[in-house]
């Protein structure tokens, strides 16, 4: 496979991954029913950890950044 095509494919794959992450974060909401605080904290904490990973690695792609 052509190196340029592989590079472009990698860029779009990373973009789709980050776009999906952002969509999942936007869709996150607390329903009016009662949640266990620990469960809610774990969900929020995992989103924050993923965001921090993306930021620390400069989104792992200079073109997506």
N, C-alpha and C. Protein backbone atom coordinates (compact mmCIF):
# COMPACT_ATOMS: atom_id res chain seq x y z
N UNK A 1 0.85 -1.18 0.00
CA UNK A 1 0.00 0.00 0.00
C UNK A 1 0.90 1.24 0.00
N UNK A 2 0.47 2.24 -0.71
CA UNK A 2 1.22 3.49 -0.80
C UNK A 2 1.36 4.12 0.58
N UNK A 3 2.56 4.61 0.89
CA UNK A 3 2.83 5.21 2.21
C UNK A 3 1.95 6.42 2.48
N UNK A 4 1.70 7.24 1.46
CA UNK A 4 0.85 8.42 1.63
C UNK A 4 -0.57 8.02 1.99
N UNK A 5 -1.06 6.98 1.32
CA UNK A 5 -2.42 6.52 1.61
C UNK A 5 -2.51 5.99 3.04
N UNK A 6 -1.50 5.25 3.47
CA UNK A 6 -1.48 4.73 4.84
C UNK A 6 -1.45 5.87 5.86
N UNK A 7 -0.68 6.91 5.58
CA UNK A 7 -0.61 8.07 6.47
C UNK A 7 -1.97 8.75 6.57
N UNK A 8 -2.61 8.95 5.45
CA UNK A 8 -3.93 9.60 5.43
C UNK A 8 -4.95 8.73 6.16
N UNK A 9 -4.89 7.43 5.94
CA UNK A 9 -5.81 6.51 6.61
C UNK A 9 -5.61 6.57 8.14
N UNK A 10 -4.37 6.66 8.58
CA UNK A 10 -4.07 6.78 10.01
C UNK A 10 -4.61 8.07 10.59
N UNK A 11 -4.48 9.16 9.85
CA UNK A 11 -4.99 10.45 10.30
C UNK A 11 -6.50 10.39 10.48
N UNK A 12 -7.21 9.84 9.50
CA UNK A 12 -8.67 9.75 9.60
C UNK A 12 -9.11 8.80 10.73
N UNK A 13 -8.37 7.72 10.94
CA UNK A 13 -8.70 6.80 12.03
C UNK A 13 -8.58 7.48 13.38
N UNK A 14 -7.52 8.26 13.57
CA UNK A 14 -7.34 8.98 14.84
C UNK A 14 -8.42 10.04 15.00
N UNK A 15 -8.73 10.75 13.92
CA UNK A 15 -9.78 11.76 13.97
C UNK A 15 -11.11 11.11 14.39
N UNK A 16 -11.45 9.97 13.77
CA UNK A 16 -12.70 9.28 14.11
C UNK A 16 -12.72 8.83 15.56
N UNK A 17 -11.58 8.36 16.06
CA UNK A 17 -11.48 7.93 17.46
C UNK A 17 -11.76 9.09 18.41
N UNK A 18 -11.13 10.22 18.15
CA UNK A 18 -11.30 11.39 19.02
C UNK A 18 -12.69 11.98 18.87
N UNK A 19 -13.22 12.00 17.66
CA UNK A 19 -14.58 12.49 17.43
C UNK A 19 -15.60 11.63 18.19
N UNK A 20 -15.39 10.33 18.18
CA UNK A 20 -16.27 9.43 18.93
C UNK A 20 -16.19 9.67 20.43
N UNK A 21 -14.97 9.93 20.91
CA UNK A 21 -14.79 10.23 22.33
C UNK A 21 -15.52 11.51 22.70
N UNK A 22 -15.39 12.54 21.89
CA UNK A 22 -16.07 13.81 22.16
C UNK A 22 -17.58 13.62 22.15
N UNK A 23 -18.08 12.86 21.19
CA UNK A 23 -19.52 12.59 21.13
C UNK A 23 -20.01 11.86 22.37
N UNK A 24 -19.22 10.88 22.84
CA UNK A 24 -19.59 10.14 24.05
C UNK A 24 -19.63 11.06 25.25
N UNK A 25 -18.70 12.01 25.32
CA UNK A 25 -18.68 12.96 26.43
C UNK A 25 -19.88 13.90 26.37
N UNK A 26 -20.23 14.33 25.17
CA UNK A 26 -21.39 15.23 25.03
C UNK A 26 -22.69 14.52 25.38
N UNK A 27 -22.75 13.21 25.09
CA UNK A 27 -23.96 12.44 25.36
C UNK A 27 -24.09 12.04 26.83
N UNK A 28 -23.03 12.29 27.60
CA UNK A 28 -23.05 11.92 29.01
C UNK A 28 -23.98 12.86 29.77
N UNK A 29 -24.87 12.29 30.48
CA UNK A 29 -25.76 13.09 31.32
C UNK A 29 -26.17 12.25 32.52
N UNK A 30 -26.63 12.91 33.51
CA UNK A 30 -27.11 12.23 34.72
C UNK A 30 -28.63 12.17 34.64
N UNK A 31 -29.14 10.98 34.61
CA UNK A 31 -30.59 10.83 34.57
C UNK A 31 -31.18 11.24 35.92
N UNK A 32 -32.44 11.51 35.92
CA UNK A 32 -33.09 11.98 37.15
C UNK A 32 -33.24 10.86 38.17
N UNK A 33 -33.05 9.61 37.74
CA UNK A 33 -33.11 8.52 38.71
C UNK A 33 -31.84 8.54 39.54
N UNK A 34 -31.87 7.88 40.66
CA UNK A 34 -30.73 7.89 41.58
C UNK A 34 -29.66 6.90 41.11
N UNK A 35 -28.45 7.39 41.00
CA UNK A 35 -27.30 6.56 40.67
C UNK A 35 -26.46 6.38 41.92
N UNK A 36 -25.75 5.29 41.97
CA UNK A 36 -24.77 5.14 43.04
C UNK A 36 -23.65 6.11 42.76
N UNK A 37 -23.25 6.84 43.74
CA UNK A 37 -22.22 7.86 43.59
C UNK A 37 -20.91 7.27 43.06
N UNK A 38 -20.56 6.09 43.51
CA UNK A 38 -19.31 5.45 43.09
C UNK A 38 -19.36 5.16 41.59
N UNK A 39 -20.46 4.63 41.10
CA UNK A 39 -20.61 4.32 39.69
C UNK A 39 -20.50 5.58 38.84
N UNK A 40 -21.17 6.63 39.26
CA UNK A 40 -21.13 7.90 38.54
C UNK A 40 -19.71 8.47 38.52
N UNK A 41 -19.04 8.42 39.65
CA UNK A 41 -17.68 8.92 39.74
C UNK A 41 -16.75 8.15 38.80
N UNK A 42 -16.91 6.83 38.73
CA UNK A 42 -16.07 6.02 37.86
C UNK A 42 -16.28 6.38 36.39
N UNK A 43 -17.51 6.63 36.00
CA UNK A 43 -17.79 7.01 34.60
C UNK A 43 -17.14 8.35 34.27
N UNK A 44 -17.29 9.31 35.15
CA UNK A 44 -16.72 10.63 34.92
C UNK A 44 -15.19 10.55 34.96
N UNK A 45 -14.67 9.81 35.91
CA UNK A 45 -13.22 9.68 36.03
C UNK A 45 -12.61 9.04 34.79
N UNK A 46 -13.26 8.05 34.20
CA UNK A 46 -12.72 7.40 33.00
C UNK A 46 -12.70 8.37 31.82
N UNK A 47 -13.71 9.22 31.70
CA UNK A 47 -13.73 10.23 30.63
C UNK A 47 -12.61 11.25 30.84
N UNK A 48 -12.42 11.67 32.08
CA UNK A 48 -11.35 12.62 32.36
C UNK A 48 -9.97 12.02 32.10
N UNK A 49 -9.79 10.76 32.45
CA UNK A 49 -8.51 10.10 32.20
C UNK A 49 -8.23 9.98 30.71
N UNK A 50 -9.26 9.64 29.93
CA UNK A 50 -9.08 9.53 28.48
C UNK A 50 -8.74 10.88 27.88
N UNK A 51 -9.41 11.93 28.32
CA UNK A 51 -9.12 13.28 27.84
C UNK A 51 -7.68 13.66 28.17
N UNK A 52 -7.24 13.34 29.38
CA UNK A 52 -5.88 13.65 29.78
C UNK A 52 -4.86 12.87 28.94
N UNK A 53 -5.17 11.63 28.63
CA UNK A 53 -4.29 10.83 27.78
C UNK A 53 -4.16 11.47 26.40
N UNK A 54 -5.27 11.87 25.81
CA UNK A 54 -5.22 12.54 24.51
C UNK A 54 -4.37 13.80 24.58
N UNK A 55 -4.57 14.61 25.62
CA UNK A 55 -3.82 15.86 25.74
C UNK A 55 -2.34 15.61 25.96
N UNK A 56 -2.00 14.65 26.79
CA UNK A 56 -0.59 14.37 27.08
C UNK A 56 0.15 13.81 25.88
N UNK A 57 -0.57 13.16 24.98
CA UNK A 57 0.07 12.57 23.80
C UNK A 57 -0.15 13.43 22.56
N UNK A 58 -0.57 14.69 22.74
CA UNK A 58 -0.86 15.59 21.62
C UNK A 58 -1.78 14.94 20.60
N UNK A 59 -2.76 14.22 21.06
CA UNK A 59 -3.76 13.52 20.26
C UNK A 59 -3.17 12.43 19.38
N UNK A 60 -1.90 12.12 19.58
CA UNK A 60 -1.19 11.05 18.90
C UNK A 60 -1.11 11.23 17.39
N UNK A 61 -1.38 12.43 16.91
CA UNK A 61 -1.30 12.66 15.47
C UNK A 61 -1.21 14.16 15.24
N UNK A 62 -0.15 14.60 14.58
CA UNK A 62 0.07 16.03 14.41
C UNK A 62 -0.99 16.69 13.54
N UNK A 63 -1.59 15.95 12.61
CA UNK A 63 -2.60 16.54 11.73
C UNK A 63 -3.94 16.68 12.43
N UNK A 64 -4.26 15.74 13.32
CA UNK A 64 -5.51 15.81 14.07
C UNK A 64 -5.42 16.90 15.12
N UNK A 65 -4.22 17.06 15.69
CA UNK A 65 -4.01 18.07 16.73
C UNK A 65 -4.38 19.44 16.20
